[in-house]
Amino acid sequence: MLRFNIFQLASDLQRLHDAILRKRGAVIEVVRARMTAVVQQLAGKIVSEKLSGDPLHRRTGILAGSVVAHAAEYVSMSKIVASVTAATPPAGYGAIQEKGVPSPYAITASAGKVLSWVTEGHRAYAASIIHPAMMNAQGWFSSNETASEDWIRAELAAALREAMKE
């Protein structure tokens, strides 16, 4: 989750608070609309920059299709919430690629099938295996938060400035 403090000084915050109270409806609507546009753009960036090419090779598009921008909603005078979600079923494996798995886990072949992989140039087969923990996850999606933070802050500040002019 990203949180932003656009105004750093107490005097800026007090002036903003007073102005927002005077123009409450316009400010809420402008910020809500801009936040919705920002999360839609962020969802597009995640798909185009993080889910294309290396290190993830797109085969089916299921993980990319799970990326959804949720429109901003007014919760209270101090909170407007918008989000981007991804790796929801049937693409739950995206969370494993992002965060890793803290302990070993079993992988078992479906009924009547076997697991198969190539190791040291030879094909291996098994009915089940114990996969070691994967703690060195890449953090491909989380890195987008950090890279986009300045851009999101600038967009929201611009929305507030725009609302205050009206």
Protein backbone atom coordinates (compact mmCIF):
# COMPACT_ATOMS: atom_id res chain seq x y z
CA MET A 1 0.00 0.00 0.00
CA LEU A 2 1.27 3.44 -0.87
CA ARG A 3 0.54 6.47 1.33
CA PHE A 4 1.35 10.00 0.31
CA ASN A 5 1.87 13.21 2.23
CA ILE A 6 1.84 15.88 -0.47
CA PHE A 7 2.18 18.86 1.85
CA GLN A 8 5.06 18.81 4.34
CA LEU A 9 4.53 21.95 6.45
CA ALA A 10 1.84 22.36 9.09
CA SER A 11 0.87 25.77 7.63
CA ASP A 12 0.44 24.20 4.17
CA LEU A 13 -1.67 21.45 5.70
CA GLN A 14 -3.88 23.92 7.60
CA ARG A 15 -4.41 26.09 4.49
CA LEU A 16 -5.21 22.99 2.45
CA HIS A 17 -7.61 21.72 5.11
CA ASP A 18 -9.48 25.05 5.21
CA ALA A 19 -9.67 25.24 1.41
CA ILE A 20 -10.86 21.65 1.11
CA LEU A 21 -13.64 22.31 3.61
CA ARG A 22 -14.79 25.26 1.51
CA LYS A 23 -14.67 23.30 -1.78
CA ARG A 24 -15.27 19.82 -0.41
CA GLY A 25 -17.44 18.39 -3.22
CA ALA A 26 -15.26 19.63 -6.08
CA VAL A 27 -12.04 18.52 -4.38
CA ILE A 28 -13.35 15.05 -3.62
CA GLU A 29 -14.60 14.55 -7.18
CA VAL A 30 -11.43 15.84 -8.87
CA VAL A 31 -9.12 13.78 -6.63
CA ARG A 32 -11.32 10.67 -6.98
CA ALA A 33 -11.33 10.99 -10.78
CA ARG A 34 -7.56 11.56 -10.93
CA MET A 35 -6.88 8.62 -8.59
CA THR A 36 -9.00 6.36 -10.79
CA ALA A 37 -7.03 7.48 -13.86
CA VAL A 38 -3.73 6.93 -12.01
CA VAL A 39 -4.56 3.36 -10.95
CA GLN A 40 -5.71 2.55 -14.49
CA GLN A 41 -2.37 3.83 -15.83
CA LEU A 42 -0.50 1.93 -13.10
CA ALA A 43 -2.30 -1.29 -14.03
CA GLY A 44 -1.27 -0.75 -17.65
CA LYS A 45 2.35 -0.14 -16.60
CA ILE A 46 2.37 -3.33 -14.54
CA VAL A 47 1.16 -5.37 -17.51
CA SER A 48 3.41 -3.71 -20.10
CA GLU A 49 6.59 -3.30 -18.02
CA LYS A 50 6.48 -6.08 -15.43
CA LEU A 51 4.53 -8.88 -17.08
CA SER A 52 6.05 -8.77 -20.54
CA GLY A 53 9.37 -10.25 -21.64
CA ASP A 54 12.07 -11.19 -19.16
CA PRO A 55 11.94 -12.41 -16.48
CA LEU A 56 8.35 -13.57 -17.04
CA HIS A 57 7.58 -15.11 -20.38
CA ARG A 58 3.92 -14.64 -21.25
CA ARG A 59 2.31 -17.78 -22.58
CA THR A 60 -1.37 -17.64 -21.72
CA GLY A 61 -1.91 -14.08 -20.49
CA ILE A 62 -3.73 -15.31 -17.38
CA LEU A 63 -1.47 -13.41 -14.96
CA ALA A 64 -1.64 -10.22 -17.04
CA GLY A 65 -5.41 -10.64 -17.25
CA SER A 66 -5.62 -10.77 -13.46
CA VAL A 67 -4.33 -7.17 -13.15
CA VAL A 68 -7.35 -5.03 -12.32
CA ALA A 69 -7.58 -1.32 -11.48
CA HIS A 70 -10.28 -0.58 -8.90
CA ALA A 71 -11.88 2.86 -9.19
CA ALA A 72 -11.29 5.36 -6.39
CA GLU A 73 -13.97 5.52 -3.72
CA TYR A 74 -14.66 8.25 -1.21
CA VAL A 75 -14.39 6.68 2.27
CA SER A 76 -14.18 9.72 4.55
CA MET A 77 -12.98 13.33 4.53
CA SER A 78 -9.42 12.07 5.08
CA LYS A 79 -9.53 8.98 2.88
CA ILE A 80 -10.13 8.25 -0.79
CA VAL A 81 -9.07 4.73 -1.74
CA ALA A 82 -8.07 3.23 -5.10
CA SER A 83 -6.11 0.08 -5.80
CA VAL A 84 -4.63 -2.29 -8.33
CA THR A 85 -4.87 -6.02 -7.66
CA ALA A 86 -3.20 -8.92 -9.43
CA ALA A 87 -2.43 -12.60 -9.06
CA THR A 88 -5.97 -13.50 -8.05
CA PRO A 89 -7.30 -16.93 -9.05
CA PRO A 90 -6.73 -18.49 -11.50
CA ALA A 91 -3.39 -16.60 -11.49
CA GLY A 92 -2.52 -17.16 -7.83
CA TYR A 93 0.95 -18.32 -8.85
CA GLY A 94 1.85 -14.65 -9.38
CA ALA A 95 1.99 -14.17 -5.60
CA ILE A 96 4.52 -17.01 -5.34
CA GLN A 97 6.67 -15.43 -8.04
CA GLU A 98 6.46 -12.09 -6.24
CA LYS A 99 7.01 -13.10 -2.62
CA GLY A 100 8.46 -16.60 -2.75
CA VAL A 101 7.53 -19.50 -0.49
CA PRO A 102 9.04 -19.61 3.04
CA SER A 103 9.23 -23.39 3.42
CA PRO A 104 9.58 -26.54 1.29
CA TYR A 105 6.37 -27.75 -0.34
CA ALA A 106 5.16 -30.87 -2.11
CA ILE A 107 4.28 -30.98 -5.80
CA THR A 108 2.25 -34.04 -6.81
CA ALA A 109 1.30 -35.06 -10.34
CA SER A 110 -2.37 -35.29 -11.26
CA ALA A 111 -3.96 -38.74 -11.40
CA GLY A 112 -2.49 -40.80 -14.20
CA LYS A 113 0.27 -38.28 -14.95
CA VAL A 114 3.88 -37.70 -13.94
CA LEU A 115 6.06 -34.68 -13.30
CA SER A 116 8.81 -34.17 -15.87
CA TRP A 117 11.79 -31.79 -16.07
CA VAL A 118 15.27 -31.60 -17.53
CA THR A 119 18.23 -31.62 -15.14
CA GLU A 120 21.91 -31.81 -16.13
CA GLY A 121 20.89 -32.54 -19.72
CA HIS A 122 18.69 -35.56 -18.84
CA ARG A 123 14.94 -35.77 -18.51
CA ALA A 124 13.74 -36.78 -15.04
CA TYR A 125 10.33 -38.13 -13.99
CA ALA A 126 8.60 -38.44 -10.63
CA ALA A 127 5.11 -38.89 -9.19
CA SER A 128 5.86 -36.22 -6.57
CA ILE A 129 8.71 -34.04 -5.33
CA ILE A 130 9.51 -31.77 -2.41
CA HIS A 131 10.38 -28.34 -3.78
CA PRO A 132 12.80 -26.30 -1.64
CA ALA A 133 11.78 -22.95 -0.17
CA MET A 134 12.04 -19.99 -2.56
CA MET A 135 13.11 -16.96 -0.53
CA ASN A 136 14.88 -15.09 -3.32
CA ALA A 137 11.72 -13.91 -5.00
CA GLN A 138 12.26 -11.17 -7.55
CA GLY A 139 9.69 -8.65 -6.35
CA TRP A 140 8.79 -7.70 -9.92
CA PHE A 141 5.46 -6.15 -8.99
CA SER A 142 6.57 -4.42 -5.77
CA SER A 143 9.40 -2.67 -7.57
CA ASN A 144 6.74 -0.92 -9.66
CA GLU A 145 5.43 0.77 -6.48
CA THR A 146 8.78 2.38 -5.76
CA ALA A 147 9.36 3.42 -9.37
CA SER A 148 5.89 4.97 -9.63
CA GLU A 149 5.73 6.73 -6.26
CA ASP A 150 7.00 10.12 -7.48
CA TRP A 151 4.73 10.01 -10.51
CA ILE A 152 1.66 9.18 -8.37
CA ARG A 153 2.52 11.93 -5.86
CA ALA A 154 2.85 14.47 -8.71
CA GLU A 155 -0.49 13.41 -10.24
CA LEU A 156 -2.35 13.72 -6.93
CA ALA A 157 -0.73 17.08 -6.14
CA ALA A 158 -1.77 18.32 -9.59
CA ALA A 159 -5.33 17.12 -8.94
CA LEU A 160 -5.45 19.05 -5.66
CA ARG A 161 -4.08 22.19 -7.32
CA GLU A 162 -6.66 21.84 -10.10
CA ALA A 163 -9.49 21.41 -7.61
CA MET A 164 -8.40 24.44 -5.60
CA LYS A 165 -8.46 26.68 -8.72
CA GLU A 166 -12.11 25.94 -9.47
